[in-house]
């Protein structure tokens, strides 16, 4: 399955950053790294999280002092395997 997965340039940038930074990165950190809008980054995360690819999941975490939960992008087992190839 992994060999059939194709990533756009921007989705690959997001995936590679998550991979290189421990497999768990906040959306805010991805926005800062890419210099793109949260909407643009979220579109790439949606692409990586879709059923066919299944490389990542979103994880919402309540953080003291934050008004709303912080959303993290985390590699799935499939994403970790894709990294290894």
C-alpha atoms as a PDB file:
ATOM      1  CA  UNK A   1       0.000   0.000   0.000  1.00  0.00           C
ATOM      2  CA  UNK A   2       2.698   2.517   0.950  1.00  0.00           C
ATOM      3  CA  UNK A   3       4.336   2.328  -2.477  1.00  0.00           C
ATOM      4  CA  UNK A   4       1.053   3.564  -4.050  1.00  0.00           C
ATOM      5  CA  UNK A   5       0.890   6.657  -1.835  1.00  0.00           C
ATOM      6  CA  UNK A   6       1.600   9.905  -3.634  1.00  0.00           C
ATOM      7  CA  UNK A   7       2.079  13.144  -1.710  1.00  0.00           C
ATOM      8  CA  UNK A   8       1.823  16.657  -3.087  1.00  0.00           C
ATOM      9  CA  UNK A   9       4.860  18.850  -2.519  1.00  0.00           C
ATOM     10  CA  UNK A  10       3.150  20.741   0.321  1.00  0.00           C
ATOM     11  CA  UNK A  11       1.785  17.582   1.974  1.00  0.00           C
ATOM     12  CA  UNK A  12       5.265  16.052   1.741  1.00  0.00           C
ATOM     13  CA  UNK A  13       6.719  19.139   3.428  1.00  0.00           C
ATOM     14  CA  UNK A  14       4.259  18.746   6.323  1.00  0.00           C
ATOM     15  CA  UNK A  15       4.807  14.974   6.535  1.00  0.00           C
ATOM     16  CA  UNK A  16       8.601  15.307   6.453  1.00  0.00           C
ATOM     17  CA  UNK A  17       8.536  17.923   9.227  1.00  0.00           C
ATOM     18  CA  UNK A  18       6.361  15.719  11.462  1.00  0.00           C
ATOM     19  CA  UNK A  19       8.640  12.756  10.718  1.00  0.00           C
ATOM     20  CA  UNK A  20      11.801  14.740  11.503  1.00  0.00           C
ATOM     21  CA  UNK A  21      10.403  16.096  14.765  1.00  0.00           C
ATOM     22  CA  UNK A  22       9.430  12.990  16.679  1.00  0.00           C
ATOM     23  CA  UNK A  23       6.214  12.078  14.893  1.00  0.00           C
ATOM     24  CA  UNK A  24       4.043  14.538  16.862  1.00  0.00           C
ATOM     25  CA  UNK A  25       3.863  18.250  16.010  1.00  0.00           C
ATOM     26  CA  UNK A  26       1.256  20.933  16.702  1.00  0.00           C
ATOM     27  CA  UNK A  27      -0.591  22.655  13.874  1.00  0.00           C
ATOM     28  CA  UNK A  28       0.769  25.989  15.166  1.00  0.00           C
ATOM     29  CA  UNK A  29       4.342  24.713  14.862  1.00  0.00           C
ATOM     30  CA  UNK A  30       3.655  23.504  11.316  1.00  0.00           C
ATOM     31  CA  UNK A  31       2.217  26.923  10.428  1.00  0.00           C
ATOM     32  CA  UNK A  32       5.351  28.628  11.772  1.00  0.00           C
ATOM     33  CA  UNK A  33       7.675  26.188   9.993  1.00  0.00           C
ATOM     34  CA  UNK A  34       5.976  26.376   6.600  1.00  0.00           C
ATOM     35  CA  UNK A  35       5.123  30.073   6.686  1.00  0.00           C
ATOM     36  CA  UNK A  36       1.669  29.198   5.376  1.00  0.00           C
ATOM     37  CA  UNK A  37      -1.786  29.803   6.823  1.00  0.00           C
ATOM     38  CA  UNK A  38      -3.422  27.416   9.269  1.00  0.00           C
ATOM     39  CA  UNK A  39      -6.076  26.750   6.612  1.00  0.00           C
ATOM     40  CA  UNK A  40      -3.427  25.684   4.088  1.00  0.00           C
ATOM     41  CA  UNK A  41      -1.597  23.474   6.583  1.00  0.00           C
ATOM     42  CA  UNK A  42      -4.874  21.909   7.735  1.00  0.00           C
ATOM     43  CA  UNK A  43      -5.692  21.016   4.118  1.00  0.00           C
ATOM     44  CA  UNK A  44      -2.396  19.108   3.925  1.00  0.00           C
ATOM     45  CA  UNK A  45      -3.057  17.419   7.268  1.00  0.00           C
ATOM     46  CA  UNK A  46      -6.512  16.380   6.029  1.00  0.00           C
ATOM     47  CA  UNK A  47      -4.820  14.861   2.965  1.00  0.00           C
ATOM     48  CA  UNK A  48      -2.347  12.935   5.159  1.00  0.00           C
ATOM     49  CA  UNK A  49      -5.140  11.760   7.501  1.00  0.00           C
ATOM     50  CA  UNK A  50      -7.525  10.540   4.811  1.00  0.00           C
ATOM     51  CA  UNK A  51      -8.615   6.900   4.787  1.00  0.00           C
ATOM     52  CA  UNK A  52      -6.564   5.945   1.736  1.00  0.00           C
ATOM     53  CA  UNK A  53      -3.291   7.362   3.045  1.00  0.00           C
ATOM     54  CA  UNK A  54      -3.817   7.058   6.802  1.00  0.00           C
ATOM     55  CA  UNK A  55      -0.316   8.394   7.495  1.00  0.00           C
ATOM     56  CA  UNK A  56      -1.322  10.733  10.326  1.00  0.00           C
ATOM     57  CA  UNK A  57      -4.066  11.442  12.835  1.00  0.00           C
ATOM     58  CA  UNK A  58      -5.123  14.632  14.584  1.00  0.00           C
ATOM     59  CA  UNK A  59      -4.947  14.642  18.373  1.00  0.00           C
ATOM     60  CA  UNK A  60      -6.601  17.438  20.368  1.00  0.00           C
ATOM     61  CA  UNK A  61      -5.079  18.089  23.793  1.00  0.00           C
ATOM     62  CA  UNK A  62      -6.388  20.401  26.518  1.00  0.00           C
ATOM     63  CA  UNK A  63      -3.523  22.678  27.609  1.00  0.00           C
ATOM     64  CA  UNK A  64      -3.614  24.811  30.760  1.00  0.00           C
ATOM     65  CA  UNK A  65      -3.707  28.497  29.873  1.00  0.00           C
ATOM     66  CA  UNK A  66      -5.017  27.901  26.335  1.00  0.00           C
ATOM     67  CA  UNK A  67      -8.580  28.871  25.395  1.00  0.00           C
ATOM     68  CA  UNK A  68      -9.067  25.905  23.093  1.00  0.00           C
ATOM     69  CA  UNK A  69      -7.403  22.493  22.723  1.00  0.00           C
ATOM     70  CA  UNK A  70      -4.064  22.330  20.919  1.00  0.00           C
ATOM     71  CA  UNK A  71      -4.216  20.120  17.825  1.00  0.00           C
ATOM     72  CA  UNK A  72      -1.257  17.837  17.182  1.00  0.00           C
ATOM     73  CA  UNK A  73      -0.493  15.891  14.013  1.00  0.00           C
ATOM     74  CA  UNK A  74       0.789  12.419  14.909  1.00  0.00           C
ATOM     75  CA  UNK A  75       2.180   9.682  12.687  1.00  0.00           C
ATOM     76  CA  UNK A  76       0.144   6.476  12.575  1.00  0.00           C
ATOM     77  CA  UNK A  77       1.739   3.027  12.331  1.00  0.00           C
ATOM     78  CA  UNK A  78       1.297   3.342   8.548  1.00  0.00           C
ATOM     79  CA  UNK A  79       3.025   6.740   8.662  1.00  0.00           C
ATOM     80  CA  UNK A  80       5.914   5.301  10.666  1.00  0.00           C
ATOM     81  CA  UNK A  81       6.242   2.455   8.154  1.00  0.00           C
ATOM     82  CA  UNK A  82       6.146   4.960   5.283  1.00  0.00           C
ATOM     83  CA  UNK A  83       8.998   6.833   6.981  1.00  0.00           C
ATOM     84  CA  UNK A  84      11.065   3.655   7.121  1.00  0.00           C
ATOM     85  CA  UNK A  85      10.837   2.995   3.388  1.00  0.00           C
END
